[in-house]
Every structure is written in structure tokens, then in C-alpha cells.
Amino acid sequence: MTSKELLYVEDALAHEQFLKNCACKTSGNLKDEELKNYMKELETKHCNLFNKFKNLL
């Protein structure tokens, strides 16, 4: 893996971690169950994407 590719993967990991954390915090603050469930789905999606990028390393 080139250094440029590594930087891309590291950047993608940071973005996915940030999005996962935002979804987690937001779902904890919501009272509407439908929105809360949607945010938990997004959290799972970003967690899976994070793991896929991490496996590239």
C-alpha cells in the first residue's frame, strides 16, 4: 500500500469513527423511537464500514 493510499484509509477510518460516534450520541438523546432506531441503524452501518476499512490495513 502506498503512503497516499494509507493516508486515504486513515482519513476514512477517522470519518467513519466520527459518524459512528455522532449517531450513537444522537440516538441516546432522541425520544422518538422511529428516529432512535434509524440512528442506531446508522451507527451499525458506520461501525461496519469502519471495520471494513480497518481490515484493509
PDB file of N, CA and C in Angstrom:
ATOM      1  N   MET A   1       0.853  -1.172   0.000  1.00  0.00           N
ATOM      2  CA  MET A   1       0.000   0.000   0.000  1.00  0.00           C
ATOM      3  C   MET A   1       0.898   1.235   0.000  1.00  0.00           C
ATOM      4  N   THR A   2       0.599   2.152  -0.881  1.00  0.00           N
ATOM      5  CA  THR A   2       1.399   3.374  -0.958  1.00  0.00           C
ATOM      6  C   THR A   2       1.061   4.294   0.217  1.00  0.00           C
ATOM      7  N   SER A   3       1.903   5.265   0.441  1.00  0.00           N
ATOM      8  CA  SER A   3       1.660   6.198   1.546  1.00  0.00           C
ATOM      9  C   SER A   3       0.389   7.017   1.293  1.00  0.00           C
ATOM     10  N   LYS A   4       0.122   7.327   0.030  1.00  0.00           N
ATOM     11  CA  LYS A   4      -1.090   8.080  -0.302  1.00  0.00           C
ATOM     12  C   LYS A   4      -2.338   7.237  -0.007  1.00  0.00           C
ATOM     13  N   GLU A   5      -2.290   5.969  -0.355  1.00  0.00           N
ATOM     14  CA  GLU A   5      -3.412   5.072  -0.065  1.00  0.00           C
ATOM     15  C   GLU A   5      -3.612   4.909   1.441  1.00  0.00           C
ATOM     16  N   LEU A   6      -2.521   4.811   2.161  1.00  0.00           N
ATOM     17  CA  LEU A   6      -2.595   4.688   3.607  1.00  0.00           C
ATOM     18  C   LEU A   6      -3.235   5.922   4.228  1.00  0.00           C
ATOM     19  N   LEU A   7      -2.879   7.095   3.736  1.00  0.00           N
ATOM     20  CA  LEU A   7      -3.493   8.327   4.230  1.00  0.00           C
ATOM     21  C   LEU A   7      -4.991   8.345   3.960  1.00  0.00           C
ATOM     22  N   TYR A   8      -5.393   7.858   2.788  1.00  0.00           N
ATOM     23  CA  TYR A   8      -6.813   7.791   2.457  1.00  0.00           C
ATOM     24  C   TYR A   8      -7.546   6.875   3.434  1.00  0.00           C
ATOM     25  N   VAL A   9      -6.991   5.703   3.710  1.00  0.00           N
ATOM     26  CA  VAL A   9      -7.630   4.747   4.619  1.00  0.00           C
ATOM     27  C   VAL A   9      -7.704   5.331   6.030  1.00  0.00           C
ATOM     28  N   GLU A  10      -6.642   5.969   6.478  1.00  0.00           N
ATOM     29  CA  GLU A  10      -6.642   6.590   7.803  1.00  0.00           C
ATOM     30  C   GLU A  10      -7.699   7.684   7.892  1.00  0.00           C
ATOM     31  N   ASP A  11      -7.833   8.473   6.849  1.00  0.00           N
ATOM     32  CA  ASP A  11      -8.840   9.526   6.807  1.00  0.00           C
ATOM     33  C   ASP A  11     -10.247   8.924   6.833  1.00  0.00           C
ATOM     34  N   ALA A  12     -10.450   7.874   6.050  1.00  0.00           N
ATOM     35  CA  ALA A  12     -11.755   7.203   6.020  1.00  0.00           C
ATOM     36  C   ALA A  12     -12.085   6.612   7.384  1.00  0.00           C
ATOM     37  N   LEU A  13     -11.103   6.032   8.056  1.00  0.00           N
ATOM     38  CA  LEU A  13     -11.315   5.489   9.405  1.00  0.00           C
ATOM     39  C   LEU A  13     -11.754   6.583  10.372  1.00  0.00           C
ATOM     40  N   ALA A  14     -11.097   7.714  10.301  1.00  0.00           N
ATOM     41  CA  ALA A  14     -11.445   8.826  11.196  1.00  0.00           C
ATOM     42  C   ALA A  14     -12.860   9.324  10.925  1.00  0.00           C
ATOM     43  N   HIS A  15     -13.235   9.423   9.654  1.00  0.00           N
ATOM     44  CA  HIS A  15     -14.588   9.877   9.315  1.00  0.00           C
ATOM     45  C   HIS A  15     -15.640   8.882   9.799  1.00  0.00           C
ATOM     46  N   GLU A  16     -15.402   7.607   9.577  1.00  0.00           N
ATOM     47  CA  GLU A  16     -16.371   6.596   9.999  1.00  0.00           C
ATOM     48  C   GLU A  16     -16.499   6.560  11.524  1.00  0.00           C
ATOM     49  N   GLN A  17     -15.387   6.713  12.220  1.00  0.00           N
ATOM     50  CA  GLN A  17     -15.431   6.750  13.683  1.00  0.00           C
ATOM     51  C   GLN A  17     -16.245   7.948  14.159  1.00  0.00           C
ATOM     52  N   PHE A  18     -16.029   9.098  13.537  1.00  0.00           N
ATOM     53  CA  PHE A  18     -16.758  10.310  13.891  1.00  0.00           C
ATOM     54  C   PHE A  18     -18.257  10.133  13.646  1.00  0.00           C
ATOM     55  N   LEU A  19     -18.621   9.607  12.473  1.00  0.00           N
ATOM     56  CA  LEU A  19     -20.031   9.416  12.145  1.00  0.00           C
ATOM     57  C   LEU A  19     -20.693   8.401  13.074  1.00  0.00           C
ATOM     58  N   LYS A  20     -19.968   7.347  13.419  1.00  0.00           N
ATOM     59  CA  LYS A  20     -20.490   6.344  14.355  1.00  0.00           C
ATOM     60  C   LYS A  20     -20.754   6.974  15.717  1.00  0.00           C
ATOM     61  N   ASN A  21     -19.810   7.772  16.191  1.00  0.00           N
ATOM     62  CA  ASN A  21     -19.972   8.425  17.493  1.00  0.00           C
ATOM     63  C   ASN A  21     -21.135   9.413  17.485  1.00  0.00           C
ATOM     64  N   CYS A  22     -21.277  10.164  16.399  1.00  0.00           N
ATOM     65  CA  CYS A  22     -22.396  11.114  16.286  1.00  0.00           C
ATOM     66  C   CYS A  22     -23.732  10.378  16.311  1.00  0.00           C
ATOM     67  N   ALA A  23     -23.825   9.286  15.575  1.00  0.00           N
ATOM     68  CA  ALA A  23     -25.073   8.511  15.543  1.00  0.00           C
ATOM     69  C   ALA A  23     -25.388   7.933  16.918  1.00  0.00           C
ATOM     70  N   CYS A  24     -24.365   7.476  17.617  1.00  0.00           N
ATOM     71  CA  CYS A  24     -24.554   6.906  18.952  1.00  0.00           C
ATOM     72  C   CYS A  24     -25.050   7.961  19.939  1.00  0.00           C
ATOM     73  N   LYS A  25     -24.411   9.108  19.941  1.00  0.00           N
ATOM     74  CA  LYS A  25     -24.817  10.189  20.847  1.00  0.00           C
ATOM     75  C   LYS A  25     -26.219  10.677  20.525  1.00  0.00           C
ATOM     76  N   THR A  26     -26.517  10.798  19.245  1.00  0.00           N
ATOM     77  CA  THR A  26     -27.829  11.291  18.831  1.00  0.00           C
ATOM     78  C   THR A  26     -28.922  10.308  19.204  1.00  0.00           C
ATOM     79  N   SER A  27     -28.699   9.026  18.974  1.00  0.00           N
ATOM     80  CA  SER A  27     -29.729   8.034  19.295  1.00  0.00           C
ATOM     81  C   SER A  27     -30.016   8.011  20.793  1.00  0.00           C
ATOM     82  N   GLY A  28     -29.012   8.288  21.594  1.00  0.00           N
ATOM     83  CA  GLY A  28     -29.210   8.331  23.037  1.00  0.00           C
ATOM     84  C   GLY A  28     -30.026   9.522  23.502  1.00  0.00           C
ATOM     85  N   ASN A  29     -30.073  10.567  22.695  1.00  0.00           N
ATOM     86  CA  ASN A  29     -30.797  11.778  23.078  1.00  0.00           C
ATOM     87  C   ASN A  29     -32.204  11.868  22.502  1.00  0.00           C
ATOM     88  N   LEU A  30     -32.540  10.988  21.578  1.00  0.00           N
ATOM     89  CA  LEU A  30     -33.841  11.064  20.922  1.00  0.00           C
ATOM     90  C   LEU A  30     -34.930  10.364  21.726  1.00  0.00           C
ATOM     91  N   LYS A  31     -36.126  10.921  21.676  1.00  0.00           N
ATOM     92  CA  LYS A  31     -37.274  10.306  22.338  1.00  0.00           C
ATOM     93  C   LYS A  31     -38.157   9.567  21.337  1.00  0.00           C
ATOM     94  N   ASP A  32     -38.153  10.017  20.084  1.00  0.00           N
ATOM     95  CA  ASP A  32     -38.938   9.367  19.033  1.00  0.00           C
ATOM     96  C   ASP A  32     -38.290   8.021  18.702  1.00  0.00           C
ATOM     97  N   GLU A  33     -39.024   6.936  18.921  1.00  0.00           N
ATOM     98  CA  GLU A  33     -38.468   5.596  18.738  1.00  0.00           C
ATOM     99  C   GLU A  33     -38.071   5.313  17.286  1.00  0.00           C
ATOM    100  N   GLU A  34     -38.832   5.824  16.332  1.00  0.00           N
ATOM    101  CA  GLU A  34     -38.516   5.586  14.926  1.00  0.00           C
ATOM    102  C   GLU A  34     -37.183   6.244  14.554  1.00  0.00           C
ATOM    103  N   LEU A  35     -37.014   7.495  14.981  1.00  0.00           N
ATOM    104  CA  LEU A  35     -35.743   8.186  14.712  1.00  0.00           C
ATOM    105  C   LEU A  35     -34.593   7.538  15.472  1.00  0.00           C
ATOM    106  N   LYS A  36     -34.865   7.126  16.697  1.00  0.00           N
ATOM    107  CA  LYS A  36     -33.843   6.482  17.518  1.00  0.00           C
ATOM    108  C   LYS A  36     -33.356   5.191  16.850  1.00  0.00           C
ATOM    109  N   ASN A  37     -34.297   4.393  16.347  1.00  0.00           N
ATOM    110  CA  ASN A  37     -33.929   3.153  15.669  1.00  0.00           C
ATOM    111  C   ASN A  37     -33.150   3.424  14.392  1.00  0.00           C
ATOM    112  N   TYR A  38     -33.547   4.466  13.666  1.00  0.00           N
ATOM    113  CA  TYR A  38     -32.824   4.831  12.442  1.00  0.00           C
ATOM    114  C   TYR A  38     -31.381   5.216  12.771  1.00  0.00           C
ATOM    115  N   MET A  39     -31.193   5.997  13.820  1.00  0.00           N
ATOM    116  CA  MET A  39     -29.840   6.408  14.197  1.00  0.00           C
ATOM    117  C   MET A  39     -29.010   5.200  14.648  1.00  0.00           C
ATOM    118  N   LYS A  40     -29.651   4.233  15.297  1.00  0.00           N
ATOM    119  CA  LYS A  40     -28.921   3.023  15.685  1.00  0.00           C
ATOM    120  C   LYS A  40     -28.521   2.219  14.457  1.00  0.00           C
ATOM    121  N   GLU A  41     -29.364   2.213  13.422  1.00  0.00           N
ATOM    122  CA  GLU A  41     -29.013   1.564  12.164  1.00  0.00           C
ATOM    123  C   GLU A  41     -27.809   2.255  11.525  1.00  0.00           C
ATOM    124  N   LEU A  42     -27.810   3.583  11.552  1.00  0.00           N
ATOM    125  CA  LEU A  42     -26.673   4.327  11.009  1.00  0.00           C
ATOM    126  C   LEU A  42     -25.398   4.034  11.803  1.00  0.00           C
ATOM    127  N   GLU A  43     -25.543   3.931  13.100  1.00  0.00           N
ATOM    128  CA  GLU A  43     -24.379   3.611  13.935  1.00  0.00           C
ATOM    129  C   GLU A  43     -23.801   2.252  13.533  1.00  0.00           C
ATOM    130  N   THR A  44     -24.666   1.275  13.338  1.00  0.00           N
ATOM    131  CA  THR A  44     -24.226  -0.060  12.924  1.00  0.00           C
ATOM    132  C   THR A  44     -23.575  -0.014  11.544  1.00  0.00           C
ATOM    133  N   LYS A  45     -24.179   0.735  10.639  1.00  0.00           N
ATOM    134  CA  LYS A  45     -23.638   0.860   9.280  1.00  0.00           C
ATOM    135  C   LYS A  45     -22.231   1.445   9.313  1.00  0.00           C
ATOM    136  N   HIS A  46     -22.045   2.511  10.083  1.00  0.00           N
ATOM    137  CA  HIS A  46     -20.728   3.158  10.140  1.00  0.00           C
ATOM    138  C   HIS A  46     -19.714   2.307  10.891  1.00  0.00           C
ATOM    139  N   CYS A  47     -20.177   1.545  11.837  1.00  0.00           N
ATOM    140  CA  CYS A  47     -19.290   0.612  12.537  1.00  0.00           C
ATOM    141  C   CYS A  47     -18.790  -0.460  11.564  1.00  0.00           C
ATOM    142  N   ASN A  48     -19.696  -0.974  10.743  1.00  0.00           N
ATOM    143  CA  ASN A  48     -19.312  -1.979   9.740  1.00  0.00           C
ATOM    144  C   ASN A  48     -18.341  -1.400   8.716  1.00  0.00           C
ATOM    145  N   LEU A  49     -18.608  -0.173   8.268  1.00  0.00           N
ATOM    146  CA  LEU A  49     -17.698   0.472   7.315  1.00  0.00           C
ATOM    147  C   LEU A  49     -16.325   0.704   7.940  1.00  0.00           C
ATOM    148  N   PHE A  50     -16.307   1.110   9.208  1.00  0.00           N
ATOM    149  CA  PHE A  50     -15.052   1.304   9.923  1.00  0.00           C
ATOM    150  C   PHE A  50     -14.247   0.008   9.928  1.00  0.00           C
ATOM    151  N   ASN A  51     -14.929  -1.092  10.235  1.00  0.00           N
ATOM    152  CA  ASN A  51     -14.240  -2.388  10.293  1.00  0.00           C
ATOM    153  C   ASN A  51     -13.726  -2.821   8.921  1.00  0.00           C
ATOM    154  N   LYS A  52     -14.481  -2.518   7.865  1.00  0.00           N
ATOM    155  CA  LYS A  52     -14.025  -2.862   6.515  1.00  0.00           C
ATOM    156  C   LYS A  52     -12.763  -2.082   6.150  1.00  0.00           C
ATOM    157  N   PHE A  53     -12.754  -0.802   6.466  1.00  0.00           N
ATOM    158  CA  PHE A  53     -11.553  -0.003   6.193  1.00  0.00           C
ATOM    159  C   PHE A  53     -10.382  -0.483   7.041  1.00  0.00           C
ATOM    160  N   LYS A  54     -10.649  -0.824   8.285  1.00  0.00           N
ATOM    161  CA  LYS A  54      -9.592  -1.281   9.184  1.00  0.00           C
ATOM    162  C   LYS A  54      -8.974  -2.584   8.679  1.00  0.00           C
ATOM    163  N   ASN A  55      -9.805  -3.445   8.088  1.00  0.00           N
ATOM    164  CA  ASN A  55      -9.293  -4.707   7.556  1.00  0.00           C
ATOM    165  C   ASN A  55      -8.376  -4.500   6.351  1.00  0.00           C
ATOM    166  N   LEU A  56      -8.443  -3.340   5.715  1.00  0.00           N
ATOM    167  CA  LEU A  56      -7.524  -3.055   4.629  1.00  0.00           C
ATOM    168  C   LEU A  56      -6.093  -2.895   5.122  1.00  0.00           C
ATOM    169  N   LEU A  57      -5.953  -2.561   6.387  1.00  0.00           N
ATOM    170  CA  LEU A  57      -4.611  -2.377   6.952  1.00  0.00           C
ATOM    171  C   LEU A  57      -4.063  -3.726   7.322  1.00  0.00           C
TER     172      LEU A  57
END
